[in-house]
N, C-alpha and C. Protein backbone atom coordinates (compact mmCIF):
# COMPACT_ATOMS: atom_id res chain seq x y z
N UNK A 1 13.21 -8.25 17.80
CA UNK A 1 11.94 -8.81 17.33
C UNK A 1 10.83 -7.76 17.48
N UNK A 2 10.01 -7.66 16.45
CA UNK A 2 8.93 -6.68 16.45
C UNK A 2 7.61 -7.36 16.80
N UNK A 3 6.80 -6.68 17.58
CA UNK A 3 5.52 -7.25 18.02
C UNK A 3 4.34 -6.70 17.21
N UNK A 4 4.48 -5.47 16.71
CA UNK A 4 3.37 -4.81 16.01
C UNK A 4 3.75 -4.65 14.54
N UNK A 5 3.01 -5.34 13.68
CA UNK A 5 3.34 -5.39 12.26
C UNK A 5 2.30 -4.58 11.48
N UNK A 6 2.75 -3.53 10.82
CA UNK A 6 1.87 -2.68 10.02
C UNK A 6 2.11 -3.00 8.55
N UNK A 7 1.04 -3.31 7.82
CA UNK A 7 1.20 -3.76 6.44
C UNK A 7 0.38 -2.92 5.47
N UNK A 8 1.03 -2.52 4.39
CA UNK A 8 0.31 -1.91 3.28
C UNK A 8 -0.44 -2.99 2.51
N UNK A 9 -1.41 -2.58 1.72
CA UNK A 9 -2.22 -3.53 0.94
C UNK A 9 -1.83 -3.57 -0.52
N UNK A 10 -2.03 -2.45 -1.23
CA UNK A 10 -1.79 -2.41 -2.68
C UNK A 10 -0.31 -2.56 -3.01
N UNK A 11 0.00 -3.55 -3.84
CA UNK A 11 1.38 -3.75 -4.24
C UNK A 11 2.25 -4.39 -3.18
N UNK A 12 1.65 -4.76 -2.07
CA UNK A 12 2.40 -5.35 -0.96
C UNK A 12 1.87 -6.74 -0.61
N UNK A 13 0.59 -6.81 -0.30
CA UNK A 13 -0.09 -8.10 -0.11
C UNK A 13 -0.86 -8.48 -1.37
N UNK A 14 -1.53 -7.50 -1.97
CA UNK A 14 -2.36 -7.74 -3.15
C UNK A 14 -1.68 -7.19 -4.41
N UNK A 15 -1.75 -7.96 -5.47
CA UNK A 15 -1.10 -7.59 -6.74
C UNK A 15 -2.01 -6.64 -7.53
N UNK A 16 -2.21 -5.46 -6.94
CA UNK A 16 -3.14 -4.50 -7.52
C UNK A 16 -2.47 -3.41 -8.36
N UNK A 17 -1.16 -3.38 -8.41
CA UNK A 17 -0.50 -2.25 -9.07
C UNK A 17 -0.85 -2.15 -10.55
N UNK A 18 -0.94 -3.29 -11.23
CA UNK A 18 -1.32 -3.25 -12.64
C UNK A 18 -2.75 -2.74 -12.81
N UNK A 19 -3.62 -3.10 -11.87
CA UNK A 19 -5.00 -2.62 -11.91
C UNK A 19 -5.02 -1.10 -11.76
N UNK A 20 -4.32 -0.60 -10.76
CA UNK A 20 -4.33 0.85 -10.53
C UNK A 20 -3.60 1.59 -11.64
N UNK A 21 -2.59 0.96 -12.23
CA UNK A 21 -1.91 1.58 -13.37
C UNK A 21 -2.89 1.77 -14.53
N UNK A 22 -3.65 0.72 -14.81
CA UNK A 22 -4.64 0.79 -15.89
C UNK A 22 -5.74 1.79 -15.55
N UNK A 23 -6.18 1.77 -14.29
CA UNK A 23 -7.26 2.66 -13.88
C UNK A 23 -6.83 4.13 -13.89
N UNK A 24 -5.60 4.40 -13.44
CA UNK A 24 -5.10 5.78 -13.45
C UNK A 24 -4.83 6.27 -14.87
N UNK A 25 -4.36 5.37 -15.72
CA UNK A 25 -4.01 5.76 -17.08
C UNK A 25 -5.24 6.14 -17.91
N UNK A 26 -6.37 5.45 -17.67
CA UNK A 26 -7.56 5.64 -18.50
C UNK A 26 -8.01 7.10 -18.58
N UNK A 27 -8.23 7.79 -17.45
CA UNK A 27 -8.66 9.19 -17.55
C UNK A 27 -7.58 10.11 -18.10
N UNK A 28 -6.31 9.72 -17.91
CA UNK A 28 -5.22 10.54 -18.44
C UNK A 28 -5.20 10.50 -19.96
N UNK A 29 -5.27 9.29 -20.52
CA UNK A 29 -5.24 9.14 -21.97
C UNK A 29 -6.49 9.74 -22.61
N UNK A 30 -7.62 9.63 -21.91
CA UNK A 30 -8.86 10.23 -22.42
C UNK A 30 -8.69 11.74 -22.59
N UNK A 31 -7.82 12.33 -21.77
CA UNK A 31 -7.59 13.77 -21.82
C UNK A 31 -6.31 14.13 -22.55
N UNK A 32 -5.79 13.16 -23.31
CA UNK A 32 -4.66 13.43 -24.19
C UNK A 32 -3.29 13.38 -23.54
N UNK A 33 -3.20 12.79 -22.34
CA UNK A 33 -1.91 12.70 -21.64
C UNK A 33 -1.32 11.30 -21.80
N UNK A 34 -0.08 11.24 -22.30
CA UNK A 34 0.61 9.96 -22.45
C UNK A 34 1.83 9.97 -21.54
N UNK A 35 1.81 9.12 -20.51
CA UNK A 35 2.88 9.09 -19.51
C UNK A 35 3.46 7.69 -19.41
N UNK A 36 4.68 7.59 -18.90
CA UNK A 36 5.30 6.28 -18.68
C UNK A 36 4.64 5.59 -17.49
N UNK A 37 4.88 4.28 -17.37
CA UNK A 37 4.33 3.54 -16.23
C UNK A 37 4.79 4.14 -14.91
N UNK A 38 6.06 4.50 -14.82
CA UNK A 38 6.59 5.05 -13.57
C UNK A 38 5.95 6.40 -13.26
N UNK A 39 5.71 7.21 -14.30
CA UNK A 39 5.05 8.50 -14.08
C UNK A 39 3.61 8.30 -13.61
N UNK A 40 2.88 7.39 -14.25
CA UNK A 40 1.50 7.14 -13.86
C UNK A 40 1.45 6.60 -12.43
N UNK A 41 2.43 5.78 -12.06
CA UNK A 41 2.45 5.18 -10.72
C UNK A 41 2.55 6.24 -9.63
N UNK A 42 2.98 7.43 -9.98
CA UNK A 42 3.07 8.50 -8.99
C UNK A 42 1.69 8.92 -8.48
N UNK A 43 0.64 8.54 -9.21
CA UNK A 43 -0.70 8.93 -8.75
C UNK A 43 -1.27 7.93 -7.75
N UNK A 44 -0.58 6.79 -7.54
CA UNK A 44 -1.08 5.79 -6.59
C UNK A 44 -1.22 6.43 -5.22
N UNK A 45 -2.43 6.43 -4.69
CA UNK A 45 -2.68 6.98 -3.37
C UNK A 45 -2.79 8.49 -3.31
N UNK A 46 -2.44 9.18 -4.42
CA UNK A 46 -2.48 10.64 -4.43
C UNK A 46 -3.01 11.15 -5.77
N UNK A 47 -4.16 10.66 -6.22
CA UNK A 47 -4.64 11.05 -7.55
C UNK A 47 -4.98 12.52 -7.68
N UNK A 48 -5.56 13.11 -6.65
CA UNK A 48 -5.93 14.53 -6.73
C UNK A 48 -4.69 15.39 -6.95
N UNK A 49 -3.64 15.12 -6.16
CA UNK A 49 -2.42 15.92 -6.27
C UNK A 49 -1.77 15.75 -7.64
N UNK A 50 -1.69 14.49 -8.12
CA UNK A 50 -1.02 14.24 -9.40
C UNK A 50 -1.85 14.75 -10.57
N UNK A 51 -3.17 14.52 -10.55
CA UNK A 51 -4.01 15.00 -11.65
C UNK A 51 -3.95 16.52 -11.74
N UNK A 52 -3.91 17.18 -10.60
CA UNK A 52 -3.78 18.64 -10.58
C UNK A 52 -2.45 19.06 -11.19
N UNK A 53 -1.40 18.37 -10.79
CA UNK A 53 -0.06 18.65 -11.29
C UNK A 53 0.00 18.50 -12.81
N UNK A 54 -0.75 17.53 -13.34
CA UNK A 54 -0.72 17.25 -14.78
C UNK A 54 -1.72 18.10 -15.56
N UNK A 55 -2.36 19.03 -14.89
CA UNK A 55 -3.19 20.00 -15.58
C UNK A 55 -4.62 19.58 -15.84
N UNK A 56 -5.08 18.52 -15.18
CA UNK A 56 -6.47 18.09 -15.35
C UNK A 56 -7.38 19.02 -14.55
N UNK A 57 -8.40 19.54 -15.19
CA UNK A 57 -9.28 20.51 -14.53
C UNK A 57 -10.55 19.87 -13.96
N UNK A 58 -11.02 18.80 -14.61
CA UNK A 58 -12.22 18.11 -14.10
C UNK A 58 -11.81 16.93 -13.22
N UNK A 59 -11.21 17.26 -12.10
CA UNK A 59 -10.62 16.27 -11.21
C UNK A 59 -11.64 15.23 -10.75
N UNK A 60 -12.80 15.68 -10.32
CA UNK A 60 -13.81 14.74 -9.80
C UNK A 60 -14.23 13.73 -10.86
N UNK A 61 -14.43 14.21 -12.09
CA UNK A 61 -14.82 13.29 -13.16
C UNK A 61 -13.71 12.28 -13.45
N UNK A 62 -12.47 12.76 -13.45
CA UNK A 62 -11.33 11.88 -13.73
C UNK A 62 -11.20 10.80 -12.66
N UNK A 63 -11.38 11.18 -11.41
CA UNK A 63 -11.27 10.21 -10.32
C UNK A 63 -12.43 9.22 -10.37
N UNK A 64 -13.62 9.69 -10.72
CA UNK A 64 -14.75 8.78 -10.87
C UNK A 64 -14.48 7.74 -11.96
N UNK A 65 -13.89 8.18 -13.06
CA UNK A 65 -13.55 7.26 -14.15
C UNK A 65 -12.50 6.25 -13.70
N UNK A 66 -11.51 6.73 -12.95
CA UNK A 66 -10.47 5.85 -12.42
C UNK A 66 -11.07 4.80 -11.49
N UNK A 67 -11.93 5.25 -10.58
CA UNK A 67 -12.53 4.34 -9.61
C UNK A 67 -13.45 3.32 -10.28
N UNK A 68 -14.18 3.76 -11.29
CA UNK A 68 -15.08 2.83 -11.99
C UNK A 68 -14.31 1.69 -12.63
N UNK A 69 -13.17 2.01 -13.25
CA UNK A 69 -12.37 0.96 -13.87
C UNK A 69 -11.76 0.06 -12.80
N UNK A 70 -11.29 0.65 -11.71
CA UNK A 70 -10.69 -0.14 -10.63
C UNK A 70 -11.70 -1.13 -10.06
N UNK A 71 -12.93 -0.67 -9.86
CA UNK A 71 -13.98 -1.54 -9.31
C UNK A 71 -14.23 -2.74 -10.23
N UNK A 72 -14.15 -2.52 -11.52
CA UNK A 72 -14.36 -3.62 -12.47
C UNK A 72 -13.22 -4.64 -12.44
N UNK A 73 -12.01 -4.16 -12.20
CA UNK A 73 -10.82 -5.02 -12.30
C UNK A 73 -10.40 -5.67 -10.98
N UNK A 74 -10.68 -5.03 -9.87
CA UNK A 74 -10.17 -5.49 -8.58
C UNK A 74 -10.64 -6.90 -8.18
N UNK A 75 -11.86 -7.33 -8.49
CA UNK A 75 -12.28 -8.67 -8.06
C UNK A 75 -11.40 -9.81 -8.56
N UNK A 76 -10.65 -9.59 -9.62
CA UNK A 76 -9.80 -10.64 -10.19
C UNK A 76 -8.36 -10.61 -9.69
N UNK A 77 -8.07 -9.69 -8.77
CA UNK A 77 -6.70 -9.53 -8.27
C UNK A 77 -6.26 -10.75 -7.46
N UNK A 78 -4.99 -11.12 -7.62
CA UNK A 78 -4.39 -12.20 -6.84
C UNK A 78 -3.51 -11.62 -5.75
N UNK A 79 -3.13 -12.47 -4.80
CA UNK A 79 -2.19 -12.07 -3.75
C UNK A 79 -0.77 -12.39 -4.19
N UNK A 80 0.21 -11.74 -3.56
CA UNK A 80 1.59 -12.08 -3.84
C UNK A 80 1.91 -13.46 -3.26
N UNK A 81 2.81 -14.19 -3.90
CA UNK A 81 3.17 -15.52 -3.40
C UNK A 81 3.62 -15.45 -1.93
N UNK A 82 3.15 -16.38 -1.15
CA UNK A 82 3.54 -16.54 0.26
C UNK A 82 2.94 -15.48 1.19
N UNK A 83 2.12 -14.56 0.67
CA UNK A 83 1.55 -13.53 1.54
C UNK A 83 0.70 -14.16 2.65
N UNK A 84 -0.17 -15.10 2.28
CA UNK A 84 -1.03 -15.74 3.29
C UNK A 84 -0.21 -16.55 4.28
N UNK A 85 0.82 -17.22 3.78
CA UNK A 85 1.66 -18.04 4.67
C UNK A 85 2.37 -17.16 5.69
N UNK A 86 2.85 -16.00 5.25
CA UNK A 86 3.54 -15.09 6.16
C UNK A 86 2.56 -14.52 7.18
N UNK A 87 1.36 -14.16 6.75
CA UNK A 87 0.36 -13.66 7.69
C UNK A 87 -0.02 -14.72 8.71
N UNK A 88 -0.11 -15.95 8.27
CA UNK A 88 -0.41 -17.06 9.18
C UNK A 88 0.71 -17.23 10.21
N UNK A 89 1.94 -17.05 9.76
CA UNK A 89 3.08 -17.14 10.68
C UNK A 89 3.03 -16.04 11.73
N UNK A 90 2.63 -14.83 11.31
CA UNK A 90 2.50 -13.74 12.27
C UNK A 90 1.51 -14.11 13.37
N UNK A 91 0.39 -14.71 12.97
CA UNK A 91 -0.62 -15.10 13.95
C UNK A 91 -0.08 -16.14 14.91
N UNK A 92 0.61 -17.13 14.37
CA UNK A 92 1.16 -18.20 15.21
C UNK A 92 2.20 -17.67 16.18
N UNK A 93 2.91 -16.61 15.76
CA UNK A 93 3.93 -16.01 16.61
C UNK A 93 3.35 -15.02 17.62
N UNK A 94 2.04 -14.78 17.53
CA UNK A 94 1.38 -13.88 18.46
C UNK A 94 1.59 -12.41 18.16
N UNK A 95 1.93 -12.09 16.91
CA UNK A 95 2.12 -10.69 16.53
C UNK A 95 0.76 -9.98 16.42
N UNK A 96 0.78 -8.69 16.66
CA UNK A 96 -0.39 -7.86 16.43
C UNK A 96 -0.22 -7.18 15.07
N UNK A 97 -1.26 -7.26 14.24
CA UNK A 97 -1.12 -6.78 12.87
C UNK A 97 -2.18 -5.74 12.53
N UNK A 98 -1.76 -4.77 11.69
CA UNK A 98 -2.68 -3.76 11.19
C UNK A 98 -2.50 -3.64 9.69
N UNK A 99 -3.60 -3.65 8.98
CA UNK A 99 -3.58 -3.37 7.55
C UNK A 99 -3.84 -1.89 7.37
N UNK A 100 -2.93 -1.19 6.69
CA UNK A 100 -3.04 0.26 6.53
C UNK A 100 -3.01 0.57 5.04
N UNK A 101 -4.12 1.09 4.53
CA UNK A 101 -4.24 1.31 3.10
C UNK A 101 -4.82 2.68 2.79
N UNK A 102 -4.38 3.25 1.68
CA UNK A 102 -4.95 4.49 1.20
C UNK A 102 -6.20 4.21 0.37
N UNK A 103 -6.42 2.97 0.02
CA UNK A 103 -7.63 2.59 -0.71
C UNK A 103 -8.85 2.68 0.21
N UNK A 104 -10.00 2.88 -0.39
CA UNK A 104 -11.24 2.88 0.37
C UNK A 104 -11.52 1.50 0.93
N UNK A 105 -12.20 1.46 2.06
CA UNK A 105 -12.46 0.18 2.74
C UNK A 105 -13.21 -0.80 1.84
N UNK A 106 -14.18 -0.33 1.07
CA UNK A 106 -14.98 -1.23 0.25
C UNK A 106 -14.13 -1.94 -0.80
N UNK A 107 -13.10 -1.26 -1.31
CA UNK A 107 -12.24 -1.87 -2.33
C UNK A 107 -11.37 -2.98 -1.75
N UNK A 108 -11.05 -2.86 -0.47
CA UNK A 108 -10.21 -3.86 0.19
C UNK A 108 -11.04 -5.03 0.72
N UNK A 109 -12.19 -4.72 1.27
CA UNK A 109 -13.02 -5.73 1.91
C UNK A 109 -13.39 -6.86 0.95
N UNK A 110 -13.68 -6.53 -0.31
CA UNK A 110 -14.09 -7.58 -1.24
C UNK A 110 -12.99 -8.62 -1.45
N UNK A 111 -11.73 -8.19 -1.42
CA UNK A 111 -10.64 -9.15 -1.57
C UNK A 111 -10.33 -9.86 -0.26
N UNK A 112 -10.51 -9.18 0.86
CA UNK A 112 -10.35 -9.86 2.14
C UNK A 112 -11.39 -10.97 2.27
N UNK A 113 -12.60 -10.71 1.77
CA UNK A 113 -13.64 -11.73 1.75
C UNK A 113 -13.25 -12.88 0.82
N UNK A 114 -12.79 -12.53 -0.37
CA UNK A 114 -12.44 -13.52 -1.38
C UNK A 114 -11.40 -14.51 -0.86
N UNK A 115 -10.39 -14.00 -0.15
CA UNK A 115 -9.31 -14.85 0.33
C UNK A 115 -9.44 -15.21 1.81
N UNK A 116 -10.58 -14.88 2.41
CA UNK A 116 -10.83 -15.21 3.81
C UNK A 116 -9.68 -14.74 4.70
N UNK A 117 -9.41 -13.45 4.65
CA UNK A 117 -8.22 -12.88 5.30
C UNK A 117 -8.52 -12.03 6.53
N UNK A 118 -9.77 -11.79 6.84
CA UNK A 118 -10.10 -10.83 7.89
C UNK A 118 -9.42 -11.18 9.22
N UNK A 119 -9.34 -12.46 9.54
CA UNK A 119 -8.82 -12.87 10.85
C UNK A 119 -7.32 -12.63 11.00
N UNK A 120 -6.65 -12.29 9.90
CA UNK A 120 -5.21 -12.03 9.99
C UNK A 120 -4.90 -10.63 10.51
N UNK A 121 -5.91 -9.76 10.58
CA UNK A 121 -5.65 -8.36 10.95
C UNK A 121 -6.44 -7.98 12.21
N UNK A 122 -5.71 -7.46 13.18
CA UNK A 122 -6.36 -6.97 14.39
C UNK A 122 -7.01 -5.61 14.16
N UNK A 123 -6.45 -4.85 13.22
CA UNK A 123 -6.95 -3.51 12.91
C UNK A 123 -6.85 -3.30 11.40
N UNK A 124 -7.85 -2.63 10.83
CA UNK A 124 -7.79 -2.20 9.43
C UNK A 124 -7.99 -0.70 9.40
N UNK A 125 -7.02 0.01 8.82
CA UNK A 125 -7.11 1.46 8.66
C UNK A 125 -7.18 1.75 7.16
N UNK A 126 -8.33 2.22 6.70
CA UNK A 126 -8.54 2.53 5.29
C UNK A 126 -8.57 4.05 5.08
N UNK A 127 -8.76 4.45 3.84
CA UNK A 127 -8.69 5.86 3.47
C UNK A 127 -9.61 6.74 4.32
N UNK A 128 -10.82 6.25 4.55
CA UNK A 128 -11.81 7.08 5.24
C UNK A 128 -11.61 7.16 6.75
N UNK A 129 -10.63 6.45 7.28
CA UNK A 129 -10.44 6.39 8.73
C UNK A 129 -9.56 7.51 9.29
N UNK A 130 -8.82 8.19 8.42
CA UNK A 130 -7.95 9.28 8.89
C UNK A 130 -8.07 10.48 7.96
N UNK A 131 -7.77 11.65 8.48
CA UNK A 131 -7.80 12.87 7.66
C UNK A 131 -6.58 12.94 6.76
N UNK A 132 -5.43 12.54 7.29
CA UNK A 132 -4.18 12.55 6.52
C UNK A 132 -3.85 11.12 6.09
N UNK A 133 -3.10 11.01 4.99
CA UNK A 133 -2.76 9.70 4.46
C UNK A 133 -1.26 9.58 4.21
N UNK A 134 -0.78 8.34 4.10
CA UNK A 134 0.65 8.12 3.86
C UNK A 134 1.11 8.97 2.68
N UNK A 135 2.26 9.66 2.78
CA UNK A 135 3.34 9.47 3.76
C UNK A 135 3.19 10.21 5.09
N UNK A 136 2.07 10.83 5.33
CA UNK A 136 1.82 11.42 6.65
C UNK A 136 1.76 10.27 7.66
N UNK A 137 2.27 10.48 8.87
CA UNK A 137 2.31 9.40 9.85
C UNK A 137 0.97 9.06 10.50
N UNK A 138 -0.07 9.89 10.28
CA UNK A 138 -1.33 9.70 11.00
C UNK A 138 -1.90 8.28 10.89
N UNK A 139 -1.96 7.66 9.69
CA UNK A 139 -2.54 6.31 9.63
C UNK A 139 -1.77 5.29 10.46
N UNK A 140 -0.45 5.42 10.51
CA UNK A 140 0.36 4.50 11.30
C UNK A 140 0.16 4.74 12.79
N UNK A 141 0.12 6.00 13.17
CA UNK A 141 -0.09 6.34 14.58
C UNK A 141 -1.48 5.90 15.04
N UNK A 142 -2.47 6.07 14.16
CA UNK A 142 -3.83 5.65 14.47
C UNK A 142 -3.89 4.13 14.67
N UNK A 143 -3.20 3.39 13.79
CA UNK A 143 -3.18 1.93 13.90
C UNK A 143 -2.51 1.49 15.19
N UNK A 144 -1.40 2.12 15.54
CA UNK A 144 -0.71 1.74 16.78
C UNK A 144 -1.56 2.06 18.01
N UNK A 145 -2.28 3.16 17.94
CA UNK A 145 -3.18 3.49 19.05
C UNK A 145 -4.24 2.40 19.22
N UNK A 146 -4.79 1.94 18.10
CA UNK A 146 -5.80 0.88 18.14
C UNK A 146 -5.21 -0.43 18.64
N UNK A 147 -3.96 -0.70 18.27
CA UNK A 147 -3.30 -1.95 18.66
C UNK A 147 -2.78 -1.90 20.10
N UNK A 148 -2.65 -0.69 20.64
CA UNK A 148 -2.01 -0.55 21.95
C UNK A 148 -0.51 -0.74 21.85
N UNK A 149 0.04 -0.41 20.67
CA UNK A 149 1.46 -0.64 20.41
C UNK A 149 2.31 0.59 20.62
N UNK A 150 3.61 0.43 20.39
CA UNK A 150 4.56 1.53 20.53
C UNK A 150 5.53 1.52 19.36
N UNK A 151 6.20 2.64 19.16
CA UNK A 151 7.09 2.81 18.01
C UNK A 151 8.24 1.82 18.02
N UNK A 152 8.85 1.62 19.17
CA UNK A 152 10.06 0.79 19.25
C UNK A 152 9.81 -0.65 18.82
N UNK A 153 8.64 -1.17 19.14
CA UNK A 153 8.34 -2.58 18.86
C UNK A 153 7.53 -2.77 17.58
N UNK A 154 7.53 -1.76 16.70
CA UNK A 154 6.70 -1.80 15.50
C UNK A 154 7.55 -1.74 14.24
N UNK A 155 6.98 -2.22 13.14
CA UNK A 155 7.64 -2.13 11.84
C UNK A 155 6.57 -2.02 10.76
N UNK A 156 6.88 -1.21 9.74
CA UNK A 156 5.96 -1.00 8.61
C UNK A 156 6.48 -1.76 7.40
N UNK A 157 5.61 -2.52 6.75
CA UNK A 157 5.98 -3.27 5.54
C UNK A 157 5.19 -2.69 4.37
N UNK A 158 5.89 -2.22 3.36
CA UNK A 158 5.21 -1.64 2.21
C UNK A 158 6.10 -1.60 0.98
N UNK A 159 5.50 -1.18 -0.13
CA UNK A 159 6.21 -1.25 -1.41
C UNK A 159 6.55 0.11 -2.01
N UNK A 160 6.07 1.19 -1.42
CA UNK A 160 6.20 2.48 -2.09
C UNK A 160 6.88 3.54 -1.22
N UNK A 161 7.17 4.67 -1.87
CA UNK A 161 7.75 5.79 -1.15
C UNK A 161 6.82 6.30 -0.07
N UNK A 162 5.51 6.15 -0.28
CA UNK A 162 4.54 6.62 0.71
C UNK A 162 4.59 5.77 1.98
N UNK A 163 4.78 4.46 1.81
CA UNK A 163 4.87 3.58 2.97
C UNK A 163 6.14 3.84 3.78
N UNK A 164 7.27 3.90 3.07
CA UNK A 164 8.54 4.13 3.76
C UNK A 164 8.59 5.54 4.33
N UNK A 165 8.04 6.50 3.59
CA UNK A 165 7.99 7.87 4.10
C UNK A 165 7.14 7.98 5.35
N UNK A 166 6.00 7.28 5.38
CA UNK A 166 5.15 7.31 6.57
C UNK A 166 5.86 6.69 7.76
N UNK A 167 6.57 5.59 7.52
CA UNK A 167 7.33 4.96 8.61
C UNK A 167 8.40 5.91 9.14
N UNK A 168 9.11 6.57 8.22
CA UNK A 168 10.13 7.53 8.64
C UNK A 168 9.51 8.66 9.45
N UNK A 169 8.39 9.16 8.98
CA UNK A 169 7.74 10.28 9.66
C UNK A 169 7.17 9.89 11.02
N UNK A 170 6.87 8.60 11.18
CA UNK A 170 6.35 8.11 12.46
C UNK A 170 7.47 7.62 13.37
N UNK A 171 8.70 7.56 12.85
CA UNK A 171 9.83 7.05 13.64
C UNK A 171 9.82 5.55 13.80
N UNK A 172 9.26 4.84 12.80
CA UNK A 172 9.11 3.38 12.86
C UNK A 172 10.04 2.71 11.85
N UNK A 173 10.62 1.59 12.20
CA UNK A 173 11.42 0.82 11.26
C UNK A 173 10.55 0.36 10.09
N UNK A 174 11.20 0.06 8.96
CA UNK A 174 10.43 -0.29 7.76
C UNK A 174 11.08 -1.40 6.96
N UNK A 175 10.24 -2.11 6.22
CA UNK A 175 10.69 -3.11 5.25
C UNK A 175 10.11 -2.72 3.90
N UNK A 176 10.98 -2.51 2.92
CA UNK A 176 10.54 -2.25 1.56
C UNK A 176 10.41 -3.58 0.82
N UNK A 177 9.22 -3.87 0.35
CA UNK A 177 8.98 -5.07 -0.48
C UNK A 177 9.14 -4.65 -1.93
N UNK A 178 10.17 -5.19 -2.59
CA UNK A 178 10.49 -4.77 -3.96
C UNK A 178 10.82 -5.99 -4.82
N UNK A 179 9.79 -6.73 -5.24
CA UNK A 179 10.02 -7.83 -6.18
C UNK A 179 10.39 -7.28 -7.54
N UNK A 180 10.93 -8.12 -8.39
CA UNK A 180 11.42 -7.68 -9.68
C UNK A 180 10.32 -6.99 -10.51
N UNK A 181 9.08 -7.45 -10.38
CA UNK A 181 7.99 -6.89 -11.17
C UNK A 181 7.65 -5.45 -10.83
N UNK A 182 8.19 -4.95 -9.70
CA UNK A 182 7.91 -3.57 -9.31
C UNK A 182 8.78 -2.56 -10.04
N UNK A 183 9.73 -3.06 -10.81
CA UNK A 183 10.66 -2.13 -11.48
C UNK A 183 9.95 -1.20 -12.46
N UNK A 184 8.84 -1.64 -13.02
CA UNK A 184 8.14 -0.77 -13.97
C UNK A 184 7.32 0.31 -13.26
N UNK A 185 7.13 0.14 -11.96
CA UNK A 185 6.37 1.13 -11.20
C UNK A 185 7.26 2.10 -10.43
N UNK A 186 8.32 1.57 -9.82
CA UNK A 186 9.14 2.37 -8.91
C UNK A 186 10.61 2.24 -9.24
N UNK A 187 11.33 3.34 -9.06
CA UNK A 187 12.78 3.35 -9.22
C UNK A 187 13.43 2.99 -7.89
N UNK A 188 14.13 1.86 -7.87
CA UNK A 188 14.71 1.38 -6.61
C UNK A 188 15.69 2.37 -6.00
N UNK A 189 16.50 3.01 -6.82
CA UNK A 189 17.48 3.95 -6.27
C UNK A 189 16.80 5.11 -5.57
N UNK A 190 15.63 5.53 -6.09
CA UNK A 190 14.89 6.60 -5.44
C UNK A 190 14.30 6.12 -4.11
N UNK A 191 13.82 4.89 -4.07
CA UNK A 191 13.28 4.34 -2.83
C UNK A 191 14.39 4.15 -1.79
N UNK A 192 15.56 3.77 -2.25
CA UNK A 192 16.69 3.57 -1.32
C UNK A 192 17.11 4.86 -0.64
N UNK A 193 16.85 5.99 -1.30
CA UNK A 193 17.20 7.28 -0.70
C UNK A 193 16.39 7.55 0.56
N UNK A 194 15.24 6.87 0.68
CA UNK A 194 14.40 7.03 1.87
C UNK A 194 14.91 6.19 3.04
N UNK A 195 15.93 5.38 2.76
CA UNK A 195 16.60 4.56 3.78
C UNK A 195 15.65 3.62 4.54
N UNK A 196 14.95 2.75 3.81
CA UNK A 196 14.17 1.72 4.52
C UNK A 196 15.12 0.89 5.37
N UNK A 197 14.65 0.41 6.50
CA UNK A 197 15.52 -0.37 7.39
C UNK A 197 15.96 -1.67 6.72
N UNK A 198 15.07 -2.28 5.96
CA UNK A 198 15.36 -3.51 5.22
C UNK A 198 14.72 -3.45 3.84
N UNK A 199 15.28 -4.21 2.91
CA UNK A 199 14.68 -4.38 1.58
C UNK A 199 14.60 -5.87 1.28
N UNK A 200 13.44 -6.34 0.84
CA UNK A 200 13.28 -7.76 0.51
C UNK A 200 12.67 -7.88 -0.89
N UNK A 201 13.02 -8.96 -1.57
CA UNK A 201 12.46 -9.25 -2.89
C UNK A 201 11.38 -10.32 -2.81
N UNK A 202 11.43 -11.11 -1.76
CA UNK A 202 10.52 -12.24 -1.56
C UNK A 202 9.82 -12.04 -0.22
N UNK A 203 8.51 -12.22 -0.19
CA UNK A 203 7.76 -11.94 1.03
C UNK A 203 8.20 -12.82 2.20
N UNK A 204 8.63 -14.04 1.91
CA UNK A 204 9.05 -14.94 2.99
C UNK A 204 10.30 -14.43 3.71
N UNK A 205 11.08 -13.60 3.05
CA UNK A 205 12.28 -13.04 3.69
C UNK A 205 11.92 -12.21 4.93
N UNK A 206 10.68 -11.74 4.96
CA UNK A 206 10.24 -10.92 6.10
C UNK A 206 10.31 -11.71 7.39
N UNK A 207 10.05 -13.00 7.31
CA UNK A 207 10.07 -13.84 8.52
C UNK A 207 11.47 -13.92 9.13
N UNK A 208 12.50 -13.76 8.32
CA UNK A 208 13.88 -13.77 8.84
C UNK A 208 14.19 -12.48 9.59
N UNK A 209 13.42 -11.44 9.30
CA UNK A 209 13.64 -10.14 9.94
C UNK A 209 12.82 -10.00 11.22
N UNK A 210 11.57 -10.44 11.14
CA UNK A 210 10.63 -10.23 12.24
C UNK A 210 10.62 -11.41 13.20
């Protein structure tokens, strides 16, 4: 049984992947780049690196355009089914929880307010809270320090290679959340190569693990 639960936000609790896909695609298409959904999804959490790789020279302008579209779309985002119920179960079980996101705090706070979710998290680690970001282990280590937790009793729940990679780099067990709708964003066989400790398609399955 794990006591310290680390959770990703985008594509894990909040159904933001379509928003970020649209937001990332906009500056790319404006600059004449046509990529598949899976290719565009590679910029999630790492837009500077991916935009550079794709030959974009006005990186700051492109990211501003991406963020402007995201800000317009994010207020309408829904949560994944059973996400709130699972978080409520964690509280009842006395688990310590940390929300760890590469998104800026302001982008997350508006949805936490919308769904009245703040009380579900003992710690929130956003983009501006650490120098390094997932898959670097720093955000996870920072969260555990704040929680007073340890590696052995912790688990990371996320949907992407960055989440599972960060867990691996921190020496923490992981759960890959991979509902059917994620197939257009991520290749499951590639994620499986990272050897997540568990893979679930339904968020409620997490309760059987934790």
